[in-house]
Protein backbone atom coordinates (compact mmCIF):
# COMPACT_ATOMS: atom_id res chain seq x y z
CA MET A 1 0.00 0.00 0.00
CA HIS A 2 2.83 2.39 0.85
CA ILE A 3 5.75 3.01 -1.50
CA PRO A 4 9.04 4.52 -0.28
CA ASP A 5 11.16 7.14 -1.93
CA ASP A 6 14.37 5.85 -0.39
CA PRO A 7 17.85 6.92 -1.53
CA ALA A 8 19.32 4.51 -4.09
CA TYR A 9 15.93 2.89 -4.80
CA TYR A 10 13.43 5.64 -5.69
CA GLU A 11 10.58 3.13 -5.83
CA LYS A 12 7.97 5.86 -6.27
CA PHE A 13 9.32 6.32 -9.80
CA TYR A 14 8.62 2.67 -10.68
CA PHE A 15 5.61 1.61 -8.61
CA THR A 16 2.29 3.09 -7.61
CA PRO A 17 0.72 2.66 -4.17
CA GLY A 18 -1.61 -0.31 -3.75
CA ASP A 19 -5.30 0.26 -4.33
CA LEU A 20 -6.86 -3.02 -3.21
CA GLY A 21 -6.90 -2.24 0.50
CA TYR A 22 -5.45 -4.34 3.27
CA LYS A 23 -5.95 -8.09 3.08
CA VAL A 24 -6.39 -10.89 5.57
CA PHE A 25 -5.95 -14.47 4.42
CA LYS A 26 -7.60 -17.43 6.12
CA THR A 27 -5.21 -20.37 6.48
CA LYS A 28 -5.52 -23.62 8.40
CA PHE A 29 -3.15 -22.15 11.01
CA ALA A 30 -4.55 -18.64 11.49
CA ASN A 31 -5.99 -15.62 9.78
CA ILE A 32 -2.90 -13.76 8.60
CA GLY A 33 -2.37 -10.18 7.54
CA ILE A 34 0.52 -9.48 5.22
CA LEU A 35 1.86 -5.95 5.04
CA ILE A 36 4.78 -5.50 2.68
CA CYS A 37 7.99 -3.61 3.40
CA TRP A 38 7.22 0.15 3.73
CA ASP A 39 3.80 -0.68 5.26
CA GLN A 40 5.71 -1.67 8.42
CA TRP A 41 6.06 1.99 9.43
CA TYR A 42 2.32 2.74 9.53
CA PRO A 43 0.36 1.84 12.68
CA GLU A 44 -2.89 2.53 10.80
CA ALA A 45 -2.16 -0.34 8.40
CA ALA A 46 -1.48 -2.74 11.27
CA ARG A 47 -4.61 -1.63 13.14
CA ILE A 48 -6.89 -1.94 10.10
CA THR A 49 -5.53 -5.40 9.30
CA ALA A 50 -6.00 -6.52 12.91
CA LEU A 51 -9.56 -5.14 12.91
CA MET A 52 -10.21 -7.15 9.74
CA GLY A 53 -9.48 -10.31 11.74
CA ALA A 54 -5.74 -10.91 11.33
CA GLU A 55 -4.45 -13.10 14.14
CA ILE A 56 -0.81 -12.70 13.05
CA LEU A 57 0.84 -9.85 11.13
CA PHE A 58 3.60 -10.73 8.67
CA TYR A 59 6.03 -8.13 7.34
CA PRO A 60 8.25 -9.42 4.50
CA THR A 61 10.81 -6.75 3.68
CA ALA A 62 14.20 -5.88 2.26
CA ILE A 63 15.68 -3.15 4.41
CA GLY A 64 19.14 -2.29 5.53
CA TRP A 65 21.70 0.42 5.80
CA ALA A 66 23.97 2.28 3.49
CA THR A 67 27.46 0.93 4.11
CA GLU A 68 28.95 4.44 4.19
CA GLN A 69 26.82 5.35 7.23
CA ASP A 70 28.34 5.19 10.68
CA GLU A 71 27.64 2.13 12.82
CA GLU A 72 25.61 4.05 15.45
CA THR A 73 23.19 5.37 12.82
CA ASN A 74 22.81 1.87 11.41
CA LYS A 75 22.02 0.43 14.85
CA ASP A 76 19.54 3.23 15.56
CA GLN A 77 17.74 2.53 12.28
CA TYR A 78 17.59 -1.21 12.92
CA ASN A 79 16.26 -0.61 16.45
CA ALA A 80 13.58 1.75 15.09
CA TRP A 81 12.59 -0.91 12.53
CA GLN A 82 12.22 -3.57 15.20
CA THR A 83 10.54 -1.23 17.71
CA ILE A 84 7.77 -0.07 15.37
CA GLN A 85 6.81 -3.63 14.51
CA ARG A 86 6.94 -4.82 18.10
CA SER A 87 4.67 -1.85 18.85
CA HIS A 88 2.16 -3.16 16.30
CA ALA A 89 2.08 -6.43 18.27
CA VAL A 90 1.41 -4.59 21.54
CA ALA A 91 -1.15 -2.14 20.16
CA ASN A 92 -3.14 -4.92 18.49
CA GLY A 93 -2.48 -7.79 20.90
CA ILE A 94 -1.32 -10.18 18.19
CA PRO A 95 1.98 -11.78 17.15
CA VAL A 96 4.14 -10.12 14.52
CA VAL A 97 6.60 -11.93 12.24
CA SER A 98 9.10 -9.72 10.41
CA VAL A 99 11.21 -11.32 7.70
CA ASN A 100 14.16 -9.42 6.27
CA ARG A 101 16.89 -10.40 3.86
CA VAL A 102 20.64 -10.46 4.46
CA GLY A 103 23.56 -9.69 2.21
CA PHE A 104 24.72 -6.84 0.00
CA GLU A 105 23.33 -5.09 -3.05
CA GLN A 106 24.37 -2.29 -5.38
CA ASN A 107 28.09 -3.11 -5.42
CA GLY A 108 28.24 -3.25 -1.63
CA ALA A 109 26.61 0.16 -1.09
CA MET A 110 23.66 -1.42 0.75
CA LYS A 111 23.88 -4.11 3.43
CA PHE A 112 20.57 -5.69 4.35
CA TRP A 113 20.49 -6.06 8.11
CA GLY A 114 18.66 -9.37 8.41
CA GLY A 115 17.58 -9.62 12.02
CA SER A 116 14.25 -11.23 11.17
CA PHE A 117 12.16 -11.82 14.27
CA ALA A 118 8.90 -13.07 15.74
CA THR A 119 7.06 -11.59 18.72
CA ASN A 120 4.10 -12.54 20.81
CA GLY A 121 1.11 -10.22 21.30
CA GLN A 122 2.97 -8.19 23.93
CA GLY A 123 5.92 -7.56 21.65
CA LYS A 124 8.21 -10.03 23.44
CA LEU A 125 10.87 -11.41 21.11
CA ILE A 126 10.29 -15.13 20.61
CA TYR A 127 12.91 -15.50 17.90
CA LEU A 128 15.67 -13.26 16.54
CA ALA A 129 17.68 -14.22 13.46
CA SER A 130 21.25 -13.40 12.58
CA HIS A 131 22.18 -10.16 10.84
CA ASP A 132 24.54 -11.93 8.46
CA ASN A 133 23.32 -15.45 7.67
CA GLU A 134 20.30 -16.85 5.88
CA GLU A 135 18.23 -18.83 8.35
CA THR A 136 15.05 -20.85 8.37
CA GLU A 137 13.23 -21.22 11.67
CA VAL A 138 9.83 -22.59 12.62
CA VAL A 139 8.34 -20.62 15.49
CA GLU A 140 5.23 -21.70 17.36
CA LEU A 141 2.85 -18.84 18.09
CA ASP A 142 0.18 -19.23 20.76
CA LEU A 143 -3.02 -17.57 19.54
CA LYS A 144 -4.79 -18.27 22.84
CA GLU A 145 -2.06 -16.22 24.51
CA ALA A 146 -3.00 -13.36 22.18
CA ASP A 147 -6.63 -13.60 23.35
CA ASN A 148 -5.38 -13.29 26.93
CA PHE A 149 -3.31 -10.20 26.08
CA ARG A 150 -6.31 -8.60 24.40
CA MET A 151 -8.45 -9.27 27.47
CA HIS A 152 -5.95 -7.77 29.93
CA TRP A 153 -4.59 -5.02 27.68
CA PRO A 154 -7.83 -4.14 25.84
CA PHE A 155 -6.45 -1.54 23.44
CA LEU A 156 -8.76 -2.64 20.63
CA ARG A 157 -11.83 -2.69 22.84
CA ASP A 158 -11.16 0.67 24.50
CA ARG A 159 -10.50 2.65 21.34
CA ARG A 160 -12.22 6.03 21.16
CA ILE A 161 -13.26 5.84 17.52
CA ASP A 162 -15.50 8.86 18.04
CA SER A 163 -12.34 10.97 18.44
CA TYR A 164 -10.35 9.68 15.44
CA GLN A 165 -11.87 11.68 12.57
CA PRO A 166 -8.89 14.08 12.34
CA ILE A 167 -6.61 11.20 11.27
CA THR A 168 -8.33 11.17 7.87
CA LYS A 169 -6.75 14.56 7.07
CA ARG A 170 -3.23 14.98 5.73
CA TYR A 171 -2.61 17.91 8.11
CA ILE A 172 -4.63 19.32 10.96
CA ASP A 173 -4.88 23.09 10.89
CA GLY A 174 -5.19 24.84 14.23
CA ASP A 175 -8.56 26.53 14.70
């Protein structure tokens, strides 16, 4: 749904934003919501997908750092990436699985940071992959645990939807 205009990629020049809305897929394991790459930064996308019945959010992505950046900036960016997605788990009371590639691209100018992870519905890390190696891991997610989190941290139930109209505007002018 969201397309980045990131240095070295400029995806907005090649792709248009999605127009089919957010999707939830029923599988024999769970109802899953899949939000691709740049969608990971938008809490609205996670919330809408959870409200549509997603029991797990998946975020496949290819994100990393420019190799000429300093190490502290790279760590800060990785931590922001992980934090926002763990926040989606907490805010919606459901597990999040974030899958990211490893390796280099563009003649070594971009290093994908890997670090794929899975959380429970409180954002607790259940699994954390390497930053440098391809890995395959099967992680068991407890959907009953998610029901318990939603009962005790009822963020979905206690929403004040009557107060959210301003979010539909690009900017909110002061009156």
